[in-house]
Structures are given as C-alpha cells and as structure tokens.
C-alpha cells in the first residue's frame, strides 16, 4: 500500500508538471556542467497569471564575467519581481519542471539564498533591521561560488551612511571572497560605481519614463545604472496628499541645490596655507639609509662616531 501510494504521488506530481508546462507555455531547461545561467525571456509564473496587463519578459546572463548584478531603478519598477522570477526559474529547473522562459541554460546551483522583504520578531526581541542583518549574516557565512543569492535593499533599516557602508561591504564580500551569483537590488546609487573597482560586477536597471508629474513603469531590464528612484512619483501614485508631495518636491530641490553649492565651493576653494614637504636633515637621511640587521658591532660603533 505504501509503495502504491508513493507511486501515485509521483505520478500525480509528474502529470501536474506536464499539464502546467503545456498550459503556461513553459520550456525545457538545459542543465549544464558549466557555471552560470542564461535565461531568455524569463517570466514570473504567478505574477503573469494574476496580472491584468501583459507580463514583460526579461532575459539575464550570469557567468564568470557577470557574477553580481547591481540592480537599480524606481520603486514599483519590478526589481523584486525580476529577482524572484530568476530564483523560481532556477528552482523549477532543479525540481525537474519546465520553466517560464523561452530558453534556459543553467549550471550547478547548490543553494538559493534570499534576503528580501521586511519582517520582525517582536516577541523574540528582534527588530526589522536585526532580522535583516541575521539573514545577511547567514548568507555571508554559508553561500558558496555555486550559490544563487538574492539581496534586496540591504541597509535600509539604519542611518544613510551606516546602511550604505553595510551594503557596500556586503557586495564587496560577495564579489571578492564568496563569488556567488548574486542579484543585488539597491537604492544606494553610490553602489553603481562598484563595477569600476571590482571585476565580475555589472550594473542593470529597471526602465521607467516620466510623464508630467507621473511615471510610467516599463518593467524592462536594461544595461547600466538608473539615474533616479522616482520616490515622489510613486508616493503620489500611492495617494499621498498633493500638498505633502509639493512640499517634499520643494525640499528636495533645496537639498539638491545646497549639495551642488557645497560641491562647487569645495572645488573652487584654495588652501589657506601652502605647506611644503619637509625635507629630512642630513642626520635623519643617514639614519634612514642604515639597516641595523646588516651591521656588525664594529660597523655600528663606527657609524655612531661619524
């Protein structure tokens, strides 16, 4: 009876996967021994079914030269959806299922790590930021060069400089030590300079265009960094009162002008005192030229009497 039940359960799963592959227009993945992942026209199978608008498919390529994608773009632009669909596609492929894409070639993946969303554990005395850091610590301790890592908005639960520094350091650790295949979404635009310093890091962004005071999300992944987050436009779409949005816009302009003025002053200001590089005296120069480890006692005595 147990063997019969096990066989029926396996048959039920396989029939379900076959039906879903046919109904949802899924494709057969290609499993490879080479590290990396190439997805053509990948989709999120759940969002695609519940959305009233056509789902915008996106492709991705992860290989030895593209191990970390720094993902920027507006709120509501689709960063989290894009990251999660990649993880779902990888998981389905290793479950033996067809996947929501036009083509998939995937190498070895040992584990999938995810640091997405906000949650707390008040009964356990853990704040939202503490939970975020514990999940981040788990990833940094356990991920390998064959892991798929999803990191979304690291550092947002603390001050700007603290959060930026933590996000920067985590990205560098993943790039230089762990070498995991990583999708790293952030609103810290300072992180978009990482590809200039570390190999294997690439910038991509979710596209959007402004239309008057509003915004149109294109949900398309493009190469390169985004130029802004469109936070005020998203707040307006959420129903924040116009007076609050207008006040925030005025304050934003003031802050941007103040920052620009400060930068111009720093660039144009000359130092009040020009300091010359101090020159070593004859005695100091002579001492610098001596290597005590290479002197005999007699040579040291002679040097002291010179």
Protein backbone atom coordinates (compact mmCIF):
# COMPACT_ATOMS: atom_id res chain seq x y z
CA UNK A 1 0.00 0.00 0.00
CA UNK A 2 2.83 2.38 0.84
CA UNK A 3 4.60 1.64 -2.44
CA UNK A 4 1.34 2.14 -4.31
CA UNK A 5 0.74 5.48 -2.55
CA UNK A 6 4.28 6.61 -3.32
CA UNK A 7 3.90 5.70 -6.97
CA UNK A 8 0.57 7.50 -7.29
CA UNK A 9 2.01 10.61 -5.60
CA UNK A 10 4.97 10.68 -8.01
CA UNK A 11 2.64 10.18 -10.97
CA UNK A 12 0.40 12.98 -9.71
CA UNK A 13 3.34 15.39 -9.48
CA UNK A 14 4.66 14.49 -12.94
CA UNK A 15 1.23 14.84 -14.52
CA UNK A 16 0.78 18.21 -12.84
CA UNK A 17 4.17 19.45 -14.09
CA UNK A 18 3.32 18.24 -17.59
CA UNK A 19 -0.06 19.99 -17.54
CA UNK A 20 1.50 23.23 -16.27
CA UNK A 21 4.21 23.09 -18.92
CA UNK A 22 1.56 22.83 -21.63
CA UNK A 23 -0.89 25.35 -20.18
CA UNK A 24 1.63 28.03 -19.16
CA UNK A 25 3.84 27.79 -22.27
CA UNK A 26 6.92 26.63 -20.37
CA UNK A 27 10.17 25.50 -21.94
CA UNK A 28 12.52 22.62 -21.26
CA UNK A 29 15.65 23.77 -19.40
CA UNK A 30 19.15 22.75 -20.44
CA UNK A 31 21.27 21.64 -17.47
CA UNK A 32 24.98 22.26 -17.90
CA UNK A 33 28.18 21.45 -16.01
CA UNK A 34 29.49 24.97 -16.68
CA UNK A 35 28.82 27.63 -14.06
CA UNK A 36 26.33 30.33 -14.92
CA UNK A 37 22.80 30.94 -16.05
CA UNK A 38 21.38 32.24 -19.31
CA UNK A 39 17.64 32.95 -19.33
CA UNK A 40 15.86 34.20 -22.44
CA UNK A 41 12.53 35.99 -21.91
CA UNK A 42 12.08 34.84 -18.33
CA UNK A 43 8.70 35.36 -16.62
CA UNK A 44 7.26 35.20 -13.11
CA UNK A 45 4.69 32.36 -13.32
CA UNK A 46 2.45 33.72 -10.54
CA UNK A 47 2.51 37.43 -11.37
CA UNK A 48 1.95 36.59 -15.02
CA UNK A 49 -1.27 34.74 -14.22
CA UNK A 50 -2.80 37.30 -11.85
CA UNK A 51 -1.80 40.46 -13.71
CA UNK A 52 -4.37 42.16 -15.90
CA UNK A 53 -1.62 43.58 -18.12
CA UNK A 54 0.76 41.69 -20.42
CA UNK A 55 3.80 40.49 -18.49
CA UNK A 56 7.10 41.99 -19.66
CA UNK A 57 9.59 39.16 -20.05
CA UNK A 58 13.26 39.80 -19.31
CA UNK A 59 16.48 37.98 -20.07
CA UNK A 60 19.51 37.54 -17.85
CA UNK A 61 23.06 36.28 -18.22
CA UNK A 62 25.25 35.25 -15.30
CA UNK A 63 28.73 33.89 -15.94
CA UNK A 64 32.30 34.32 -14.74
CA UNK A 65 32.38 37.92 -16.01
CA UNK A 66 28.88 38.72 -14.69
CA UNK A 67 28.64 37.18 -11.22
CA UNK A 68 26.92 40.12 -9.49
CA UNK A 69 24.21 42.33 -10.94
CA UNK A 70 23.69 45.65 -9.13
CA UNK A 71 20.00 46.33 -9.84
CA UNK A 72 18.71 49.89 -9.59
CA UNK A 73 15.50 51.55 -10.68
CA UNK A 74 12.31 53.10 -9.33
CA UNK A 75 10.13 51.78 -6.56
CA UNK A 76 7.40 49.64 -8.14
CA UNK A 77 9.63 49.28 -11.19
CA UNK A 78 9.83 45.49 -10.91
CA UNK A 79 13.18 44.85 -9.22
CA UNK A 80 11.84 42.35 -6.68
CA UNK A 81 9.68 40.60 -9.29
CA UNK A 82 12.69 40.25 -11.59
CA UNK A 83 14.86 38.83 -8.81
CA UNK A 84 12.24 36.37 -7.58
CA UNK A 85 11.43 35.08 -11.05
CA UNK A 86 15.10 34.20 -11.53
CA UNK A 87 15.07 32.20 -8.29
CA UNK A 88 11.78 30.49 -9.21
CA UNK A 89 13.10 29.54 -12.65
CA UNK A 90 16.26 28.04 -11.12
CA UNK A 91 14.24 26.16 -8.50
CA UNK A 92 11.77 24.75 -11.06
CA UNK A 93 14.62 23.63 -13.30
CA UNK A 94 16.21 21.65 -10.47
CA UNK A 95 12.83 20.22 -9.47
CA UNK A 96 12.61 18.61 -12.90
CA UNK A 97 9.97 21.01 -14.20
CA UNK A 98 9.80 23.03 -17.38
CA UNK A 99 10.36 26.76 -16.73
CA UNK A 100 8.62 30.06 -17.64
CA UNK A 101 11.04 31.28 -20.30
CA UNK A 102 11.72 30.85 -23.99
CA UNK A 103 15.09 29.23 -23.21
CA UNK A 104 17.20 28.39 -20.17
CA UNK A 105 20.72 27.12 -19.78
CA UNK A 106 21.73 26.67 -16.14
CA UNK A 107 24.84 25.39 -14.43
CA UNK A 108 25.29 23.91 -10.95
CA UNK A 109 23.35 25.66 -8.16
CA UNK A 110 23.87 24.25 -4.67
CA UNK A 111 21.53 26.57 -2.72
CA UNK A 112 19.32 29.61 -3.16
CA UNK A 113 19.65 32.36 -0.53
CA UNK A 114 17.13 35.19 -0.26
CA UNK A 115 17.23 38.45 1.72
CA UNK A 116 14.03 40.13 0.52
CA UNK A 117 11.22 41.95 2.29
CA UNK A 118 10.79 43.32 5.79
CA UNK A 119 9.76 41.37 8.87
CA UNK A 120 10.36 41.48 12.61
CA UNK A 121 10.22 39.22 15.65
CA UNK A 122 8.93 41.42 18.43
CA UNK A 123 8.31 38.52 20.80
CA UNK A 124 11.91 37.43 20.31
CA UNK A 125 13.25 40.94 20.77
CA UNK A 126 14.42 41.27 17.18
CA UNK A 127 13.72 44.41 15.21
CA UNK A 128 13.22 44.55 11.44
CA UNK A 129 16.83 45.62 10.98
CA UNK A 130 18.09 42.85 13.28
CA UNK A 131 16.22 40.22 11.26
CA UNK A 132 17.65 41.72 8.07
CA UNK A 133 21.19 41.55 9.44
CA UNK A 134 20.75 37.97 10.69
CA UNK A 135 19.59 36.88 7.26
CA UNK A 136 22.51 38.74 5.70
CA UNK A 137 24.94 37.09 8.12
CA UNK A 138 23.55 33.66 7.21
CA UNK A 139 24.19 34.36 3.53
CA UNK A 140 27.72 35.65 4.05
CA UNK A 141 28.64 32.66 6.22
CA UNK A 142 27.09 29.89 4.12
CA UNK A 143 26.93 30.93 0.44
CA UNK A 144 29.43 29.43 -1.99
CA UNK A 145 30.59 30.18 -5.52
CA UNK A 146 27.78 27.90 -6.77
CA UNK A 147 25.00 29.61 -4.80
CA UNK A 148 22.32 31.94 -6.14
CA UNK A 149 21.92 34.93 -3.80
CA UNK A 150 19.11 37.49 -3.79
CA UNK A 151 19.86 40.67 -1.79
CA UNK A 152 17.17 43.36 -1.75
CA UNK A 153 17.68 46.80 -0.16
CA UNK A 154 20.39 45.88 2.33
CA UNK A 155 20.97 48.59 4.95
CA UNK A 156 17.65 50.42 4.70
CA UNK A 157 16.81 49.97 8.40
CA UNK A 158 19.53 52.25 9.76
CA UNK A 159 21.08 55.66 9.01
CA UNK A 160 22.06 56.52 5.46
CA UNK A 161 25.81 56.26 5.96
CA UNK A 162 25.57 53.10 8.07
CA UNK A 163 23.26 51.44 5.57
CA UNK A 164 25.33 52.47 2.57
CA UNK A 165 28.53 51.23 4.20
CA UNK A 166 26.96 47.87 5.08
CA UNK A 167 25.51 47.41 1.59
CA UNK A 168 28.86 48.32 0.01
CA UNK A 169 30.81 45.95 2.22
CA UNK A 170 28.37 43.05 1.65
CA UNK A 171 28.59 43.50 -2.12
CA UNK A 172 32.41 43.56 -1.98
CA UNK A 173 32.45 40.40 0.18
CA UNK A 174 30.21 38.59 -2.31
CA UNK A 175 32.38 39.76 -5.21
CA UNK A 176 35.87 39.18 -3.83
CA UNK A 177 35.57 36.27 -1.38
CA UNK A 178 32.36 34.29 -1.88
CA UNK A 179 31.96 34.74 -5.66
CA UNK A 180 28.29 33.71 -5.54
CA UNK A 181 25.94 34.51 -8.40
CA UNK A 182 24.15 37.49 -6.88
CA UNK A 183 21.23 39.77 -7.70
CA UNK A 184 21.77 42.88 -5.56
CA UNK A 185 18.93 45.41 -5.68
CA UNK A 186 19.54 48.80 -4.09
CA UNK A 187 18.55 52.47 -4.00
CA UNK A 188 22.07 53.47 -2.94
CA UNK A 189 23.31 54.83 -6.26
CA UNK A 190 26.81 55.01 -4.80
CA UNK A 191 26.97 51.23 -5.30
CA UNK A 192 26.78 51.67 -9.07
CA UNK A 193 30.49 52.60 -9.02
CA UNK A 194 31.41 49.09 -7.82
CA UNK A 195 31.94 47.73 -11.38
CA UNK A 196 34.72 50.29 -11.80
CA UNK A 197 36.63 48.78 -8.87
CA UNK A 198 35.81 45.06 -8.84
CA UNK A 199 35.63 42.61 -11.75
CA UNK A 200 32.54 40.47 -12.15
CA UNK A 201 30.09 43.20 -11.08
CA UNK A 202 27.68 44.69 -13.65
CA UNK A 203 25.01 47.40 -13.44
CA UNK A 204 21.47 46.83 -14.73
CA UNK A 205 18.28 48.80 -14.11
CA UNK A 206 14.53 48.59 -14.49
CA UNK A 207 13.38 51.17 -17.00
CA UNK A 208 10.76 53.88 -16.41
CA UNK A 209 9.82 57.20 -18.02
CA UNK A 210 8.32 60.34 -16.52
CA UNK A 211 5.05 61.63 -17.90
CA UNK A 212 4.35 65.06 -16.45
CA UNK A 213 4.27 64.64 -12.68
CA UNK A 214 3.57 60.93 -13.00
CA UNK A 215 5.64 57.92 -14.00
CA UNK A 216 5.22 55.00 -16.39
CA UNK A 217 6.90 51.74 -15.43
CA UNK A 218 8.27 49.83 -18.39
CA UNK A 219 9.39 46.81 -16.30
CA UNK A 220 12.18 46.17 -18.80
CA UNK A 221 15.71 45.32 -17.64
CA UNK A 222 18.39 47.46 -19.30
CA UNK A 223 22.15 47.53 -19.01
CA UNK A 224 23.71 50.28 -16.90
CA UNK A 225 22.60 52.10 -13.72
CA UNK A 226 19.35 54.02 -13.20
CA UNK A 227 19.54 57.78 -12.77
CA UNK A 228 16.93 58.23 -10.01
CA UNK A 229 14.40 56.39 -7.83
CA UNK A 230 11.23 58.39 -8.63
CA UNK A 231 10.23 58.20 -4.97
CA UNK A 232 7.96 61.26 -5.09
CA UNK A 233 6.11 59.99 -8.15
CA UNK A 234 5.48 56.63 -6.51
CA UNK A 235 4.28 58.38 -3.33
CA UNK A 236 1.80 60.35 -5.45
CA UNK A 237 0.55 57.13 -7.08
CA UNK A 238 0.00 55.71 -3.59
CA UNK A 239 -2.33 58.58 -2.74
CA UNK A 240 -0.10 60.79 -0.58
CA UNK A 241 -1.76 64.27 -0.47
CA UNK A 242 -0.64 66.68 -3.18
CA UNK A 243 0.35 69.29 -0.59
CA UNK A 244 2.76 66.83 1.00
CA UNK A 245 4.22 65.87 -2.38
CA UNK A 246 4.66 69.53 -3.33
CA UNK A 247 6.35 70.32 -0.03
CA UNK A 248 8.64 67.32 -0.46
CA UNK A 249 9.50 68.40 -4.01
CA UNK A 250 10.44 71.88 -2.81
CA UNK A 251 12.58 70.43 -0.04
CA UNK A 252 14.25 68.06 -2.49
CA UNK A 253 15.17 70.98 -4.75
CA UNK A 254 16.62 72.86 -1.78
CA UNK A 255 18.71 69.88 -0.72
CA UNK A 256 19.99 69.30 -4.24
CA UNK A 257 20.92 72.97 -4.64
CA UNK A 258 22.68 73.02 -1.26
CA UNK A 259 24.62 69.89 -2.17
CA UNK A 260 25.65 71.37 -5.52
CA UNK A 261 26.74 74.66 -3.92
CA UNK A 262 28.79 72.79 -1.35
CA UNK A 263 30.46 70.75 -4.09
CA UNK A 264 31.26 73.90 -6.09
CA UNK A 265 32.73 75.60 -3.02
CA UNK A 266 34.90 72.60 -2.25
CA UNK A 267 36.16 72.55 -5.82
CA UNK A 268 36.91 76.27 -6.05
CA UNK A 269 38.32 76.84 -2.56
CA UNK A 270 42.12 77.20 -2.39
CA UNK A 271 44.01 76.08 0.71
CA UNK A 272 44.80 78.93 3.10
CA UNK A 273 48.32 77.70 3.75
CA UNK A 274 50.61 76.03 1.27
CA UNK A 275 52.74 73.54 3.12
CA UNK A 276 56.00 72.42 1.65
CA UNK A 277 57.02 68.83 2.03
CA UNK A 278 59.50 68.76 4.91
CA UNK A 279 63.00 67.66 3.97
CA UNK A 280 64.93 65.24 6.13
CA UNK A 281 68.06 66.55 7.81
CA UNK A 282 71.46 65.09 7.00
CA UNK A 283 71.42 63.00 10.17
CA UNK A 284 67.86 61.73 9.52
CA UNK A 285 68.74 60.86 5.95
CA UNK A 286 71.83 58.97 7.11
CA UNK A 287 69.78 57.02 9.67
CA UNK A 288 67.22 56.10 7.03
CA UNK A 289 69.97 54.59 4.91
CA UNK A 290 71.16 52.28 7.72
CA UNK A 291 69.84 48.75 8.06
CA UNK A 292 70.74 47.63 11.61
CA UNK A 293 70.23 43.95 10.74
CA UNK A 294 73.15 44.11 8.30
CA UNK A 295 75.69 45.83 10.62
CA UNK A 296 78.40 44.18 12.67
CA UNK A 297 79.08 45.61 16.15
CA UNK A 298 82.23 47.37 14.87
CA UNK A 299 80.33 48.89 11.92
CA UNK A 300 77.61 50.12 14.28
CA UNK A 301 80.27 51.71 16.52
CA UNK A 302 81.88 53.41 13.55
CA UNK A 303 78.52 54.77 12.38
CA UNK A 304 77.86 56.23 15.83
CA UNK A 305 81.14 58.12 15.78
CA UNK A 306 80.75 59.50 12.23
